[in-house]
Amino acid sequence: MASKEELKEKGLRGFAKVVYTQLAPLNDNELFKEQYKETSLKVLLNPNDQLKAALIIFENGTVDVTEYKKSEPTMNLVKRKNLIGYDAMLQVSTQLLFDIVSGKASVVKLMKDDVKDRNIKVKGKLKLLKLLKAFTLLEKTDESSK
C-alpha cells in the first residue's frame, strides 16, 4: 500500500492516486519484480469523463503512475500530438476504469467490447495484456497476505 507521504510527494490526486494506490504493492512483490525486470511499458488510462488521465509506467521491475491534465474530459490524448509516448491506451468511463483497476472488470472482455462500443478506445491490445498480467499478480499478492 502506498504511504500518505509517498502520495503527497508524487502529487497525485483523484483517479491517478487511486490507480497508484492499487498498483504500488507490486513494487514489493518479488514475483512481479522477477517477471517484469526487463519490461519497459507505458499504459495510458484515459477516462473520457474526467479532466485527468493516468500513465502507468512499468520499468525494470517497478511500477509508477504519472498524472496528465486534459483541457476537456473527452479529449483524446494522441500519442504523437500530446508527446506522452505511451505503448498502450485504454479510454473508457471512469467507473469502468475503476472496475478494471480493482479487478471487478476484465481487460480481455473490454478488448472484445471495443469493436461494438464507440465509447471504448483501445490501442496496443497485446501490450495491455501485460497490464492484465500485473493485475493478476496483484490479486495473488492480496490472497497470500490474507
Protein backbone atom coordinates (compact mmCIF):
# COMPACT_ATOMS: atom_id res chain seq x y z
CA MET A 1 0.00 0.00 0.00
CA ALA A 2 1.27 3.47 -0.85
CA SER A 3 2.01 5.66 2.15
CA LYS A 4 0.46 9.11 2.57
CA GLU A 5 3.92 10.71 2.39
CA GLU A 6 4.66 8.91 -0.86
CA LEU A 7 1.35 10.03 -2.40
CA LYS A 8 1.89 13.60 -1.23
CA GLU A 9 5.42 13.61 -2.65
CA LYS A 10 4.18 12.38 -6.03
CA GLY A 11 1.41 14.98 -6.06
CA LEU A 12 -1.18 12.52 -7.34
CA ARG A 13 -4.85 13.27 -6.83
CA GLY A 14 -8.14 11.73 -7.85
CA PHE A 15 -8.07 9.00 -10.46
CA ALA A 16 -4.26 8.76 -10.75
CA LYS A 17 -3.99 8.49 -6.96
CA VAL A 18 -6.43 5.56 -6.89
CA VAL A 19 -4.53 3.80 -9.69
CA TYR A 20 -1.19 4.28 -7.92
CA THR A 21 -2.61 3.14 -4.58
CA GLN A 22 -3.87 -0.07 -6.22
CA LEU A 23 -0.62 -0.82 -8.11
CA ALA A 24 2.01 0.31 -5.57
CA PRO A 25 2.07 -3.07 -3.73
CA LEU A 26 3.58 -4.59 -6.89
CA ASN A 27 6.83 -2.73 -6.10
CA ASP A 28 7.24 -5.04 -3.08
CA ASN A 29 6.21 -8.21 -4.92
CA GLU A 30 9.23 -10.42 -5.73
CA LEU A 31 7.34 -12.36 -8.42
CA PHE A 32 6.41 -9.10 -10.17
CA LYS A 33 10.00 -7.84 -9.94
CA GLU A 34 11.28 -11.06 -11.49
CA GLN A 35 8.70 -11.23 -14.31
CA TYR A 36 8.91 -7.51 -15.17
CA LYS A 37 12.65 -6.94 -14.62
CA GLU A 38 13.28 -6.37 -18.32
CA THR A 39 9.95 -4.72 -19.12
CA SER A 40 9.63 -1.15 -20.30
CA LEU A 41 5.97 -0.34 -20.89
CA LYS A 42 3.74 2.74 -20.62
CA VAL A 43 -0.03 2.29 -20.45
CA LEU A 44 -2.32 5.32 -20.58
CA LEU A 45 -5.65 5.07 -18.75
CA ASN A 46 -7.72 7.93 -20.12
CA PRO A 47 -11.17 8.31 -18.53
CA ASN A 48 -13.47 10.02 -21.04
CA ASP A 49 -15.42 11.76 -18.27
CA GLN A 50 -12.53 13.23 -16.23
CA LEU A 51 -10.03 16.06 -16.66
CA LYS A 52 -7.09 13.85 -15.68
CA ALA A 53 -5.54 10.71 -17.13
CA ALA A 54 -3.07 8.29 -15.56
CA LEU A 55 0.04 6.93 -17.26
CA ILE A 56 1.18 3.63 -15.72
CA ILE A 57 4.90 3.09 -16.19
CA PHE A 58 6.42 -0.37 -15.86
CA GLU A 59 10.21 -0.02 -15.81
CA ASN A 60 12.73 -2.70 -14.79
CA GLY A 61 10.53 -4.45 -12.23
CA THR A 62 8.87 -1.35 -10.79
CA VAL A 63 5.57 0.38 -11.38
CA ASP A 64 4.89 4.11 -11.22
CA VAL A 65 1.99 6.39 -12.15
CA THR A 66 2.07 9.87 -13.65
CA GLU A 67 -0.91 12.20 -13.93
CA TYR A 68 -1.83 14.11 -17.11
CA LYS A 69 -4.27 17.02 -17.18
CA LYS A 70 -6.67 17.46 -20.08
CA SER A 71 -8.38 20.64 -21.24
CA GLU A 72 -11.71 18.81 -21.65
CA PRO A 73 -12.95 15.42 -20.39
CA THR A 74 -13.44 13.83 -23.83
CA MET A 75 -10.03 15.00 -25.09
CA ASN A 76 -8.14 12.27 -26.89
CA LEU A 77 -4.54 12.10 -25.73
CA VAL A 78 -2.89 11.27 -29.03
CA LYS A 79 0.48 9.60 -28.71
CA ARG A 80 2.46 11.85 -31.04
CA LYS A 81 0.46 15.06 -30.81
CA ASN A 82 0.45 15.24 -26.99
CA LEU A 83 4.02 13.88 -26.64
CA ILE A 84 3.03 11.41 -23.96
CA GLY A 85 4.73 8.41 -25.51
CA TYR A 86 2.54 5.52 -24.38
CA ASP A 87 2.72 1.95 -25.68
CA ALA A 88 -0.93 1.08 -25.00
CA MET A 89 -4.01 3.16 -24.25
CA LEU A 90 -7.39 2.45 -22.73
CA GLN A 91 -10.07 5.14 -22.96
CA VAL A 92 -13.38 4.40 -21.24
CA SER A 93 -15.56 5.82 -18.46
CA THR A 94 -14.05 6.39 -15.01
CA GLN A 95 -16.34 3.77 -13.46
CA LEU A 96 -15.18 1.12 -15.90
CA LEU A 97 -11.52 2.05 -15.30
CA PHE A 98 -12.07 1.79 -11.52
CA ASP A 99 -13.66 -1.63 -12.07
CA ILE A 100 -10.62 -2.73 -14.10
CA VAL A 101 -8.11 -1.41 -11.55
CA SER A 102 -9.98 -3.06 -8.67
CA GLY A 103 -10.33 -6.34 -10.57
CA LYS A 104 -14.12 -6.23 -10.99
CA ALA A 105 -13.96 -5.92 -14.80
CA SER A 106 -11.84 -7.80 -17.31
CA VAL A 107 -9.46 -6.10 -19.73
CA VAL A 108 -9.94 -9.02 -22.13
CA LYS A 109 -13.74 -8.53 -22.20
CA LEU A 110 -13.17 -4.82 -22.72
CA MET A 111 -10.99 -5.52 -25.75
CA LYS A 112 -13.84 -7.56 -27.26
CA ASP A 113 -16.36 -4.79 -26.48
CA ASP A 114 -14.07 -2.26 -28.21
CA VAL A 115 -15.41 -3.45 -31.57
CA LYS A 116 -19.05 -2.77 -30.62
CA ASP A 117 -18.91 0.29 -28.35
CA ARG A 118 -17.76 3.65 -29.70
CA ASN A 119 -17.09 4.98 -26.17
CA ILE A 120 -14.36 2.39 -25.68
CA LYS A 121 -10.99 3.04 -27.32
CA VAL A 122 -8.19 0.53 -27.01
CA LYS A 123 -4.76 0.85 -28.57
CA GLY A 124 -1.94 -1.64 -28.16
CA LYS A 125 -4.08 -4.63 -27.23
CA LEU A 126 -1.20 -7.09 -26.89
CA LYS A 127 0.67 -4.72 -24.59
CA LEU A 128 -2.46 -4.24 -22.48
CA LEU A 129 -2.23 -7.93 -21.67
CA LYS A 130 0.92 -7.16 -19.63
CA LEU A 131 -1.23 -4.82 -17.53
CA LEU A 132 -3.75 -7.64 -17.11
CA LYS A 133 -0.94 -9.96 -16.00
CA ALA A 134 0.19 -7.35 -13.44
CA PHE A 135 -3.35 -7.17 -12.03
CA THR A 136 -3.33 -10.97 -11.76
CA LEU A 137 -0.08 -10.81 -9.77
CA LEU A 138 -1.67 -8.13 -7.59
CA GLU A 139 -4.63 -10.41 -6.84
CA LYS A 140 -2.24 -13.23 -5.91
CA THR A 141 -0.42 -10.85 -3.53
CA ASP A 142 -3.73 -9.88 -1.90
CA GLU A 143 -4.75 -13.53 -1.47
CA SER A 144 -1.42 -14.59 0.04
CA SER A 145 -1.49 -11.72 2.57
CA LYS A 146 -4.87 -12.87 3.94
